[in-house]
Amino acid sequence: TTTKAAKDAGLRVDVEAPTPECPSITMALENYLKHLNE
């Protein structure tokens, strides 16, 4: 619902959680920042 609200507001969503790989927001953040560093 948060993702939908962001997109409806015209925002670009760069990271969504939970996912099977990242069930928590902190795991999603860590994964995204690690990917940026790489």
Full PDB file with SEQRES, HELIX, SHEET, SSBOND, CRYST1, ORIGX, SCALE, CONECT and MASTER records, all heavy atoms in Angstrom:
SEQRES   1 A   38  THR THR THR LYS ALA ALA LYS ASP ALA GLY LEU ARG VAL          
SEQRES   2 A   38  ASP VAL GLU ALA PRO THR PRO GLU CYS PRO SER ILE THR          
SEQRES   3 A   38  MET ALA LEU GLU ASN TYR LEU LYS HIS LEU ASN GLU              
HELIX    1 AA1 THR A    2  ASP A    8  1                                   7    
HELIX    2 AA2 ILE A   25  ASN A   37  1                                  13    
CRYST1    1.000    1.000    1.000  90.00  90.00  90.00 P 1           1          
ORIGX1      1.000000  0.000000  0.000000        0.00000                         
ORIGX2      0.000000  1.000000  0.000000        0.00000                         
ORIGX3      0.000000  0.000000  1.000000        0.00000                         
SCALE1      1.000000  0.000000  0.000000        0.00000                         
SCALE2      0.000000  1.000000  0.000000        0.00000                         
SCALE3      0.000000  0.000000  1.000000        0.00000                         
ATOM      1  N   THR A   1       0.832  -1.210   0.000  1.00  0.00           N  
ATOM      2  CA  THR A   1       0.000   0.000   0.000  1.00  0.00           C  
ATOM      3  C   THR A   1       0.868   1.261   0.000  1.00  0.00           C  
ATOM      4  O   THR A   1       0.505   2.266  -0.618  1.00  0.00           O  
ATOM      5  CB  THR A   1      -0.955   0.027   1.205  1.00  0.00           C  
ATOM      6  OG1 THR A   1      -0.195  -0.070   2.416  1.00  0.00           O  
ATOM      7  CG2 THR A   1      -1.943  -1.132   1.144  1.00  0.00           C  
ATOM      8  N   THR A   2       2.011   1.189   0.693  1.00  0.00           N  
ATOM      9  CA  THR A   2       2.932   2.331   0.695  1.00  0.00           C  
ATOM     10  C   THR A   2       3.548   2.512  -0.685  1.00  0.00           C  
ATOM     11  O   THR A   2       3.674   3.641  -1.190  1.00  0.00           O  
ATOM     12  CB  THR A   2       4.040   2.128   1.743  1.00  0.00           C  
ATOM     13  OG1 THR A   2       3.454   1.801   2.993  1.00  0.00           O  
ATOM     14  CG2 THR A   2       4.881   3.374   1.906  1.00  0.00           C  
ATOM     15  N   THR A   3       3.921   1.404  -1.310  1.00  0.00           N  
ATOM     16  CA  THR A   3       4.494   1.463  -2.662  1.00  0.00           C  
ATOM     17  C   THR A   3       3.497   2.067  -3.642  1.00  0.00           C  
ATOM     18  O   THR A   3       3.844   2.938  -4.454  1.00  0.00           O  
ATOM     19  CB  THR A   3       4.900   0.053  -3.128  1.00  0.00           C  
ATOM     20  OG1 THR A   3       5.862  -0.480  -2.213  1.00  0.00           O  
ATOM     21  CG2 THR A   3       5.498   0.081  -4.521  1.00  0.00           C  
ATOM     22  N   LYS A   4       2.246   1.636  -3.562  1.00  0.00           N  
ATOM     23  CA  LYS A   4       1.210   2.155  -4.459  1.00  0.00           C  
ATOM     24  C   LYS A   4       1.010   3.655  -4.240  1.00  0.00           C  
ATOM     25  O   LYS A   4       0.897   4.424  -5.197  1.00  0.00           O  
ATOM     26  CB  LYS A   4      -0.106   1.416  -4.243  1.00  0.00           C  
ATOM     27  CG  LYS A   4      -1.236   1.863  -5.182  1.00  0.00           C  
ATOM     28  CD  LYS A   4      -2.507   1.075  -4.943  1.00  0.00           C  
ATOM     29  CE  LYS A   4      -3.594   1.443  -5.944  1.00  0.00           C  
ATOM     30  NZ  LYS A   4      -3.938   2.883  -5.921  1.00  0.00           N  
ATOM     31  N   ALA A   5       0.982   4.066  -2.965  1.00  0.00           N  
ATOM     32  CA  ALA A   5       0.779   5.485  -2.657  1.00  0.00           C  
ATOM     33  C   ALA A   5       1.916   6.329  -3.235  1.00  0.00           C  
ATOM     34  O   ALA A   5       1.685   7.421  -3.759  1.00  0.00           O  
ATOM     35  CB  ALA A   5       0.677   5.685  -1.152  1.00  0.00           C  
ATOM     36  N   ALA A   6       3.146   5.806  -3.144  1.00  0.00           N  
ATOM     37  CA  ALA A   6       4.297   6.539  -3.676  1.00  0.00           C  
ATOM     38  C   ALA A   6       4.192   6.679  -5.194  1.00  0.00           C  
ATOM     39  O   ALA A   6       4.404   7.767  -5.750  1.00  0.00           O  
ATOM     40  CB  ALA A   6       5.589   5.826  -3.286  1.00  0.00           C  
ATOM     41  N   LYS A   7       3.867   5.597  -5.865  1.00  0.00           N  
ATOM     42  CA  LYS A   7       3.761   5.632  -7.324  1.00  0.00           C  
ATOM     43  C   LYS A   7       2.591   6.504  -7.770  1.00  0.00           C  
ATOM     44  O   LYS A   7       2.693   7.247  -8.756  1.00  0.00           O  
ATOM     45  CB  LYS A   7       3.631   4.210  -7.865  1.00  0.00           C  
ATOM     46  CG  LYS A   7       4.914   3.395  -7.691  1.00  0.00           C  
ATOM     47  CD  LYS A   7       4.763   1.970  -8.217  1.00  0.00           C  
ATOM     48  CE  LYS A   7       6.075   1.208  -8.084  1.00  0.00           C  
ATOM     49  NZ  LYS A   7       5.958  -0.199  -8.548  1.00  0.00           N  
ATOM     50  N   ASP A   8       1.483   6.429  -7.028  1.00  0.00           N  
ATOM     51  CA  ASP A   8       0.331   7.273  -7.356  1.00  0.00           C  
ATOM     52  C   ASP A   8       0.668   8.756  -7.199  1.00  0.00           C  
ATOM     53  O   ASP A   8       0.069   9.614  -7.855  1.00  0.00           O  
ATOM     54  CB  ASP A   8      -0.862   6.925  -6.460  1.00  0.00           C  
ATOM     55  CG  ASP A   8      -1.500   5.587  -6.825  1.00  0.00           C  
ATOM     56  OD1 ASP A   8      -1.157   5.036  -7.888  1.00  0.00           O  
ATOM     57  OD2 ASP A   8      -2.317   5.094  -6.018  1.00  0.00           O  
ATOM     58  N   ALA A   9       1.628   9.050  -6.295  1.00  0.00           N  
ATOM     59  CA  ALA A   9       2.046  10.430  -6.073  1.00  0.00           C  
ATOM     60  C   ALA A   9       3.101  10.879  -7.077  1.00  0.00           C  
ATOM     61  O   ALA A   9       3.615  11.998  -6.987  1.00  0.00           O  
ATOM     62  CB  ALA A   9       2.583  10.589  -4.654  1.00  0.00           C  
ATOM     63  N   GLY A  10       3.406   9.994  -8.020  1.00  0.00           N  
ATOM     64  CA  GLY A  10       4.366  10.343  -9.068  1.00  0.00           C  
ATOM     65  C   GLY A  10       5.811  10.155  -8.686  1.00  0.00           C  
ATOM     66  O   GLY A  10       6.718  10.687  -9.335  1.00  0.00           O  
ATOM     67  N   LEU A  11       6.057   9.377  -7.613  1.00  0.00           N  
ATOM     68  CA  LEU A  11       7.420   9.149  -7.161  1.00  0.00           C  
ATOM     69  C   LEU A  11       8.000   7.878  -7.788  1.00  0.00           C  
ATOM     70  O   LEU A  11       7.263   6.932  -8.091  1.00  0.00           O  
ATOM     71  CB  LEU A  11       7.459   9.029  -5.637  1.00  0.00           C  
ATOM     72  CG  LEU A  11       6.988  10.262  -4.852  1.00  0.00           C  
ATOM     73  CD1 LEU A  11       6.910   9.952  -3.374  1.00  0.00           C  
ATOM     74  CD2 LEU A  11       7.898  11.456  -5.108  1.00  0.00           C  
ATOM     75  N   ARG A  12       9.284   7.862  -7.964  1.00  0.00           N  
ATOM     76  CA  ARG A  12       9.993   6.670  -8.438  1.00  0.00           C  
ATOM     77  C   ARG A  12      10.405   5.853  -7.212  1.00  0.00           C  
ATOM     78  O   ARG A  12      11.109   6.343  -6.341  1.00  0.00           O  
ATOM     79  CB  ARG A  12      11.251   7.089  -9.219  1.00  0.00           C  
ATOM     80  CG  ARG A  12      12.066   5.916  -9.786  1.00  0.00           C  
ATOM     81  CD  ARG A  12      13.417   6.374 -10.305  1.00  0.00           C  
ATOM     82  NE  ARG A  12      14.310   6.800  -9.226  1.00  0.00           N  
ATOM     83  CZ  ARG A  12      14.655   8.046  -8.968  1.00  0.00           C  
ATOM     84  NH1 ARG A  12      14.174   9.054  -9.680  1.00  0.00           N  
ATOM     85  NH2 ARG A  12      15.472   8.344  -7.949  1.00  0.00           N  
ATOM     86  N   VAL A  13       9.953   4.616  -7.148  1.00  0.00           N  
ATOM     87  CA  VAL A  13      10.305   3.745  -6.018  1.00  0.00           C  
ATOM     88  C   VAL A  13      11.547   2.942  -6.398  1.00  0.00           C  
ATOM     89  O   VAL A  13      11.526   2.142  -7.329  1.00  0.00           O  
ATOM     90  CB  VAL A  13       9.138   2.816  -5.636  1.00  0.00           C  
ATOM     91  CG1 VAL A  13       9.554   1.865  -4.516  1.00  0.00           C  
ATOM     92  CG2 VAL A  13       7.920   3.640  -5.212  1.00  0.00           C  
ATOM     93  N   ASP A  14      12.629   3.161  -5.654  1.00  0.00           N  
ATOM     94  CA  ASP A  14      13.900   2.495  -5.962  1.00  0.00           C  
ATOM     95  C   ASP A  14      14.076   1.179  -5.220  1.00  0.00           C  
ATOM     96  O   ASP A  14      14.759   0.280  -5.697  1.00  0.00           O  
ATOM     97  CB  ASP A  14      15.064   3.431  -5.618  1.00  0.00           C  
ATOM     98  CG  ASP A  14      15.013   4.720  -6.421  1.00  0.00           C  
ATOM     99  OD1 ASP A  14      15.478   4.716  -7.574  1.00  0.00           O  
ATOM    100  OD2 ASP A  14      14.478   5.717  -5.902  1.00  0.00           O  
ATOM    101  N   VAL A  15      13.476   1.071  -4.027  1.00  0.00           N  
ATOM    102  CA  VAL A  15      13.609  -0.133  -3.212  1.00  0.00           C  
ATOM    103  C   VAL A  15      12.253  -0.456  -2.611  1.00  0.00           C  
ATOM    104  O   VAL A  15      11.614   0.415  -2.018  1.00  0.00           O  
ATOM    105  CB  VAL A  15      14.638   0.046  -2.080  1.00  0.00           C  
ATOM    106  CG1 VAL A  15      14.837  -1.272  -1.327  1.00  0.00           C  
ATOM    107  CG2 VAL A  15      15.973   0.550  -2.618  1.00  0.00           C  
ATOM    108  N   GLU A  16      11.822  -1.715  -2.765  1.00  0.00           N  
ATOM    109  CA  GLU A  16      10.572  -2.181  -2.160  1.00  0.00           C  
ATOM    110  C   GLU A  16      10.862  -3.316  -1.189  1.00  0.00           C  
ATOM    111  O   GLU A  16      11.710  -4.171  -1.439  1.00  0.00           O  
ATOM    112  CB  GLU A  16       9.598  -2.689  -3.230  1.00  0.00           C  
ATOM    113  CG  GLU A  16       9.121  -1.635  -4.208  1.00  0.00           C  
ATOM    114  CD  GLU A  16       8.158  -2.204  -5.236  1.00  0.00           C  
ATOM    115  OE1 GLU A  16       7.317  -3.057  -4.852  1.00  0.00           O  
ATOM    116  OE2 GLU A  16       8.244  -1.808  -6.415  1.00  0.00           O  
ATOM    117  N   ALA A  17      10.160  -3.337  -0.087  1.00  0.00           N  
ATOM    118  CA  ALA A  17      10.240  -4.423   0.887  1.00  0.00           C  
ATOM    119  C   ALA A  17       8.830  -4.618   1.456  1.00  0.00           C  
ATOM    120  O   ALA A  17       8.009  -3.701   1.400  1.00  0.00           O  
ATOM    121  CB  ALA A  17      11.244  -4.080   1.991  1.00  0.00           C  
ATOM    122  N   PRO A  18       8.518  -5.800   1.979  1.00  0.00           N  
ATOM    123  CA  PRO A  18       9.383  -6.978   2.022  1.00  0.00           C  
ATOM    124  C   PRO A  18       9.371  -7.751   0.706  1.00  0.00           C  
ATOM    125  O   PRO A  18       8.420  -7.659  -0.065  1.00  0.00           O  
ATOM    126  CB  PRO A  18       8.754  -7.803   3.141  1.00  0.00           C  
ATOM    127  CG  PRO A  18       7.282  -7.460   3.076  1.00  0.00           C  
ATOM    128  CD  PRO A  18       7.232  -6.005   2.669  1.00  0.00           C  
ATOM    129  N   THR A  19      10.445  -8.498   0.492  1.00  0.00           N  
ATOM    130  CA  THR A  19      10.538  -9.435  -0.620  1.00  0.00           C  
ATOM    131  C   THR A  19      11.049 -10.756  -0.059  1.00  0.00           C  
ATOM    132  O   THR A  19      11.557 -10.791   1.070  1.00  0.00           O  
ATOM    133  CB  THR A  19      11.519  -8.927  -1.700  1.00  0.00           C  
ATOM    134  OG1 THR A  19      12.845  -8.885  -1.132  1.00  0.00           O  
ATOM    135  CG2 THR A  19      11.128  -7.546  -2.199  1.00  0.00           C  
ATOM    136  N   PRO A  20      10.943 -11.854  -0.815  1.00  0.00           N  
ATOM    137  CA  PRO A  20      11.481 -13.129  -0.316  1.00  0.00           C  
ATOM    138  C   PRO A  20      12.963 -13.030   0.058  1.00  0.00           C  
ATOM    139  O   PRO A  20      13.404 -13.636   1.039  1.00  0.00           O  
ATOM    140  CB  PRO A  20      11.262 -14.087  -1.488  1.00  0.00           C  
ATOM    141  CG  PRO A  20      10.090 -13.512  -2.220  1.00  0.00           C  
ATOM    142  CD  PRO A  20      10.228 -12.026  -2.092  1.00  0.00           C  
ATOM    143  N   GLU A  21      13.718 -12.244  -0.716  1.00  0.00           N  
ATOM    144  CA  GLU A  21      15.149 -12.108  -0.446  1.00  0.00           C  
ATOM    145  C   GLU A  21      15.417 -11.159   0.717  1.00  0.00           C  
ATOM    146  O   GLU A  21      16.367 -11.341   1.477  1.00  0.00           O  
ATOM    147  CB  GLU A  21      15.883 -11.591  -1.686  1.00  0.00           C  
ATOM    148  CG  GLU A  21      15.793 -12.486  -2.909  1.00  0.00           C  
ATOM    149  CD  GLU A  21      14.461 -12.333  -3.646  1.00  0.00           C  
ATOM    150  OE1 GLU A  21      13.765 -11.317  -3.408  1.00  0.00           O  
ATOM    151  OE2 GLU A  21      14.114 -13.232  -4.438  1.00  0.00           O  
ATOM    152  N   CYS A  22      14.574 -10.139   0.856  1.00  0.00           N  
ATOM    153  CA  CYS A  22      14.770  -9.114   1.887  1.00  0.00           C  
ATOM    154  C   CYS A  22      13.460  -8.890   2.638  1.00  0.00           C  
ATOM    155  O   CYS A  22      12.697  -7.966   2.323  1.00  0.00           O  
ATOM    156  CB  CYS A  22      15.248  -7.808   1.258  1.00  0.00           C  
ATOM    157  SG  CYS A  22      16.828  -7.932   0.398  1.00  0.00           S  
ATOM    158  N   PRO A  23      13.168  -9.722   3.632  1.00  0.00           N  
ATOM    159  CA  PRO A  23      11.892  -9.611   4.335  1.00  0.00           C  
ATOM    160  C   PRO A  23      11.781  -8.390   5.254  1.00  0.00           C  
ATOM    161  O   PRO A  23      10.687  -8.042   5.676  1.00  0.00           O  
ATOM    162  CB  PRO A  23      11.831 -10.909   5.154  1.00  0.00           C  
ATOM    163  CG  PRO A  23      13.252 -11.349   5.283  1.00  0.00           C  
ATOM    164  CD  PRO A  23      13.959 -10.898   4.050  1.00  0.00           C  
ATOM    165  N   SER A  24      12.906  -7.739   5.553  1.00  0.00           N  
ATOM    166  CA  SER A  24      12.862  -6.558   6.425  1.00  0.00           C  
ATOM    167  C   SER A  24      13.383  -5.334   5.677  1.00  0.00           C  
ATOM    168  O   SER A  24      14.109  -5.457   4.684  1.00  0.00           O  
ATOM    169  CB  SER A  24      13.703  -6.778   7.686  1.00  0.00           C  
ATOM    170  OG  SER A  24      15.086  -6.790   7.357  1.00  0.00           O  
ATOM    171  N   ILE A  25      13.044  -4.162   6.182  1.00  0.00           N  
ATOM    172  CA  ILE A  25      13.499  -2.922   5.539  1.00  0.00           C  
ATOM    173  C   ILE A  25      15.001  -2.768   5.670  1.00  0.00           C  
ATOM    174  O   ILE A  25      15.675  -2.267   4.758  1.00  0.00           O  
ATOM    175  CB  ILE A  25      12.748  -1.703   6.128  1.00  0.00           C  
ATOM    176  CG1 ILE A  25      12.793  -0.522   5.148  1.00  0.00           C  
ATOM    177  CG2 ILE A  25      13.296  -1.307   7.473  1.00  0.00           C  
ATOM    178  CD1 ILE A  25      11.889  -0.635   3.980  1.00  0.00           C  
ATOM    179  N   THR A  26      15.569  -3.200   6.804  1.00  0.00           N  
ATOM    180  CA  THR A  26      17.019  -3.053   6.984  1.00  0.00           C  
ATOM    181  C   THR A  26      17.783  -3.975   6.037  1.00  0.00           C  
ATOM    182  O   THR A  26      18.834  -3.597   5.511  1.00  0.00           O  
ATOM    183  CB  THR A  26      17.425  -3.330   8.443  1.00  0.00           C  
ATOM    184  OG1 THR A  26      16.844  -4.567   8.883  1.00  0.00           O  
ATOM    185  CG2 THR A  26      16.968  -2.207   9.351  1.00  0.00           C  
ATOM    186  N   MET A  27      17.267  -5.165   5.804  1.00  0.00           N  
ATOM    187  CA  MET A  27      17.905  -6.060   4.840  1.00  0.00           C  
ATOM    188  C   MET A  27      17.838  -5.472   3.433  1.00  0.00           C  
ATOM    189  O   MET A  27      18.805  -5.563   2.665  1.00  0.00           O  
ATOM    190  CB  MET A  27      17.246  -7.442   4.884  1.00  0.00           C  
ATOM    191  CG  MET A  27      17.542  -8.228   6.145  1.00  0.00           C  
ATOM    192  SD  MET A  27      16.716  -9.845   6.167  1.00  0.00           S  
ATOM    193  CE  MET A  27      17.599 -10.689   4.857  1.00  0.00           C  
ATOM    194  N   ALA A  28      16.707  -4.853   3.101  1.00  0.00           N  
ATOM    195  CA  ALA A  28      16.559  -4.236   1.783  1.00  0.00           C  
ATOM    196  C   ALA A  28      17.527  -3.064   1.621  1.00  0.00           C  
ATOM    197  O   ALA A  28      18.150  -2.896   0.557  1.00  0.00           O  
ATOM    198  CB  ALA A  28      15.115  -3.770   1.585  1.00  0.00           C  
ATOM    199  N   LEU A  29      17.684  -2.264   2.669  1.00  0.00           N  
ATOM    200  CA  LEU A  29      18.629  -1.144   2.625  1.00  0.00           C  
ATOM    201  C   LEU A  29      20.058  -1.636   2.456  1.00  0.00           C  
ATOM    202  O   LEU A  29      20.815  -1.122   1.630  1.00  0.00           O  
ATOM    203  CB  LEU A  29      18.527  -0.316   3.906  1.00  0.00           C  
ATOM    204  CG  LEU A  29      17.331   0.623   4.059  1.00  0.00           C  
ATOM    205  CD1 LEU A  29      17.371   1.287   5.432  1.00  0.00           C  
ATOM    206  CD2 LEU A  29      17.331   1.676   2.973  1.00  0.00           C  
ATOM    207  N   GLU A  30      20.425  -2.619   3.259  1.00  0.00           N  
ATOM    208  CA  GLU A  30      21.781  -3.173   3.188  1.00  0.00           C  
ATOM    209  C   GLU A  30      22.074  -3.717   1.793  1.00  0.00           C  
ATOM    210  O   GLU A  30      23.139  -3.458   1.214  1.00  0.00           O  
ATOM    211  CB  GLU A  30      21.932  -4.280   4.237  1.00  0.00           C  
ATOM    212  CG  GLU A  30      23.181  -5.139   4.104  1.00  0.00           C  
ATOM    213  CD  GLU A  30      24.479  -4.372   4.310  1.00  0.00           C  
ATOM    214  OE1 GLU A  30      24.444  -3.317   4.967  1.00  0.00           O  
ATOM    215  OE2 GLU A  30      25.520  -4.828   3.794  1.00  0.00           O  
ATOM    216  N   ASN A  31      21.117  -4.427   1.230  1.00  0.00           N  
ATOM    217  CA  ASN A  31      21.301  -5.016  -0.096  1.00  0.00           C  
ATOM    218  C   ASN A  31      21.459  -3.925  -1.162  1.00  0.00           C  
ATOM    219  O   ASN A  31      22.318  -4.024  -2.051  1.00  0.00           O  
ATOM    220  CB  ASN A  31      20.098  -5.909  -0.420  1.00  0.00           C  
ATOM    221  CG  ASN A  31      20.293  -6.697  -1.703  1.00  0.00           C  
ATOM    222  OD1 ASN A  31      21.254  -7.456  -1.823  1.00  0.00           O  
ATOM    223  ND2 ASN A  31      19.388  -6.541  -2.649  1.00  0.00           N  
ATOM    224  N   TYR A  32      20.657  -2.870  -1.070  1.00  0.00           N  
ATOM    225  CA  TYR A  32      20.707  -1.787  -2.052  1.00  0.00           C  
ATOM    226  C   TYR A  32      22.030  -1.027  -1.959  1.00  0.00           C  
ATOM    227  O   TYR A  32      22.674  -0.737  -2.985  1.00  0.00           O  
ATOM    228  CB  TYR A  32      19.540  -0.836  -1.820  1.00  0.00           C  
ATOM    229  CG  TYR A  32      19.457   0.306  -2.805  1.00  0.00           C  
ATOM    230  CD1 TYR A  32      19.012   0.103  -4.115  1.00  0.00           C  
ATOM    231  CD2 TYR A  32      19.809   1.600  -2.426  1.00  0.00           C  
ATOM    232  CE1 TYR A  32      18.926   1.160  -5.016  1.00  0.00           C  
ATOM    233  CE2 TYR A  32      19.736   2.658  -3.330  1.00  0.00           C  
ATOM    234  CZ  TYR A  32      19.293   2.427  -4.618  1.00  0.00           C  
ATOM    235  OH  TYR A  32      19.210   3.475  -5.503  1.00  0.00           O  
ATOM    236  N   LEU A  33      22.458  -0.691  -0.745  1.00  0.00           N  
ATOM    237  CA  LEU A  33      23.705   0.044  -0.563  1.00  0.00           C  
ATOM    238  C   LEU A  33      24.923  -0.783  -0.980  1.00  0.00           C  
ATOM    239  O   LEU A  33      25.870  -0.266  -1.564  1.00  0.00           O  
ATOM    240  CB  LEU A  33      23.840   0.487   0.895  1.00  0.00           C  
ATOM    241  CG  LEU A  33      22.798   1.502   1.373  1.00  0.00           C  
ATOM    242  CD1 LEU A  33      22.906   1.723   2.881  1.00  0.00           C  
ATOM    243  CD2 LEU A  33      22.954   2.826   0.632  1.00  0.00           C  
ATOM    244  N   LYS A  34      24.858  -2.072  -0.712  1.00  0.00           N  
ATOM    245  CA  LYS A  34      25.943  -2.969  -1.134  1.00  0.00           C  
ATOM    246  C   LYS A  34      26.048  -2.993  -2.659  1.00  0.00           C  
ATOM    247  O   LYS A  34      27.132  -2.930  -3.222  1.00  0.00           O  
ATOM    248  CB  LYS A  34      25.685  -4.381  -0.602  1.00  0.00           C  
ATOM    249  CG  LYS A  34      26.739  -5.410  -0.994  1.00  0.00           C  
ATOM    250  CD  LYS A  34      26.380  -6.779  -0.458  1.00  0.00           C  
ATOM    251  CE  LYS A  34      27.393  -7.827  -0.912  1.00  0.00           C  
ATOM    252  NZ  LYS A  34      27.012  -9.192  -0.431  1.00  0.00           N  
ATOM    253  N   HIS A  35      24.883  -3.058  -3.308  1.00  0.00           N  
ATOM    254  CA  HIS A  35      24.852  -3.071  -4.770  1.00  0.00           C  
ATOM    255  C   HIS A  35      25.405  -1.765  -5.345  1.00  0.00           C  
ATOM    256  O   HIS A  35      26.152  -1.777  -6.337  1.00  0.00           O  
ATOM    257  CB  HIS A  35      23.406  -3.298  -5.233  1.00  0.00           C  
ATOM    258  CG  HIS A  35      23.266  -3.387  -6.737  1.00  0.00           C  
ATOM    259  ND1 HIS A  35      23.810  -4.409  -7.481  1.00  0.00           N  
ATOM    260  CD2 HIS A  35      22.642  -2.543  -7.623  1.00  0.00           C  
ATOM    261  CE1 HIS A  35      23.525  -4.215  -8.755  1.00  0.00           C  
ATOM    262  NE2 HIS A  35      22.817  -3.092  -8.862  1.00  0.00           N  
ATOM    263  N   LEU A  36      25.082  -0.638  -4.718  1.00  0.00           N  
ATOM    264  CA  LEU A  36      25.613   0.643  -5.180  1.00  0.00           C  
ATOM    265  C   LEU A  36      27.124   0.697  -5.058  1.00  0.00           C  
ATOM    266  O   LEU A  36      27.816   1.199  -5.963  1.00  0.00           O  
ATOM    267  CB  LEU A  36      24.994   1.784  -4.353  1.00  0.00           C  
ATOM    268  CG  LEU A  36      23.586   2.243  -4.678  1.00  0.00           C  
ATOM    269  CD1 LEU A  36      23.211   3.443  -3.809  1.00  0.00           C  
ATOM    270  CD2 LEU A  36      23.413   2.600  -6.152  1.00  0.00           C  
ATOM    271  N   ASN A  37      27.635   0.184  -3.952  1.00  0.00           N  
ATOM    272  CA  ASN A  37      29.095   0.189  -3.755  1.00  0.00           C  
ATOM    273  C   ASN A  37      29.803  -0.663  -4.799  1.00  0.00           C  
ATOM    274  O   ASN A  37      30.890  -0.319  -5.255  1.00  0.00           O  
ATOM    275  CB  ASN A  37      29.436  -0.320  -2.353  1.00  0.00           C  
ATOM    276  CG  ASN A  37      29.141   0.705  -1.279  1.00  0.00           C  
ATOM    277  OD1 ASN A  37      28.898   1.868  -1.564  1.00  0.00           O  
ATOM    278  ND2 ASN A  37      29.154   0.270  -0.021  1.00  0.00           N  
ATOM    279  N   GLU A  38      29.181  -1.774  -5.165  1.00  0.00           N  
ATOM    280  CA  GLU A  38      29.791  -2.666  -6.158  1.00  0.00           C  
ATOM    281  C   GLU A  38      29.829  -2.012  -7.542  1.00  0.00           C  
ATOM    282  O   GLU A  38      30.712  -2.291  -8.342  1.00  0.00           O  
ATOM    283  CB  GLU A  38      29.006  -3.977  -6.214  1.00  0.00           C  
ATOM    284  CG  GLU A  38      29.197  -4.846  -4.973  1.00  0.00           C  
ATOM    285  CD  GLU A  38      28.296  -6.062  -4.961  1.00  0.00           C  
ATOM    286  OE1 GLU A  38      27.379  -6.134  -5.831  1.00  0.00           O  
ATOM    287  OE2 GLU A  38      28.474  -6.937  -4.105  1.00  0.00           O  
TER     288      GLU A  38                                                      
MASTER        0    0    0    2    0    0    0    6  287    1    0    3          
END                                                                             
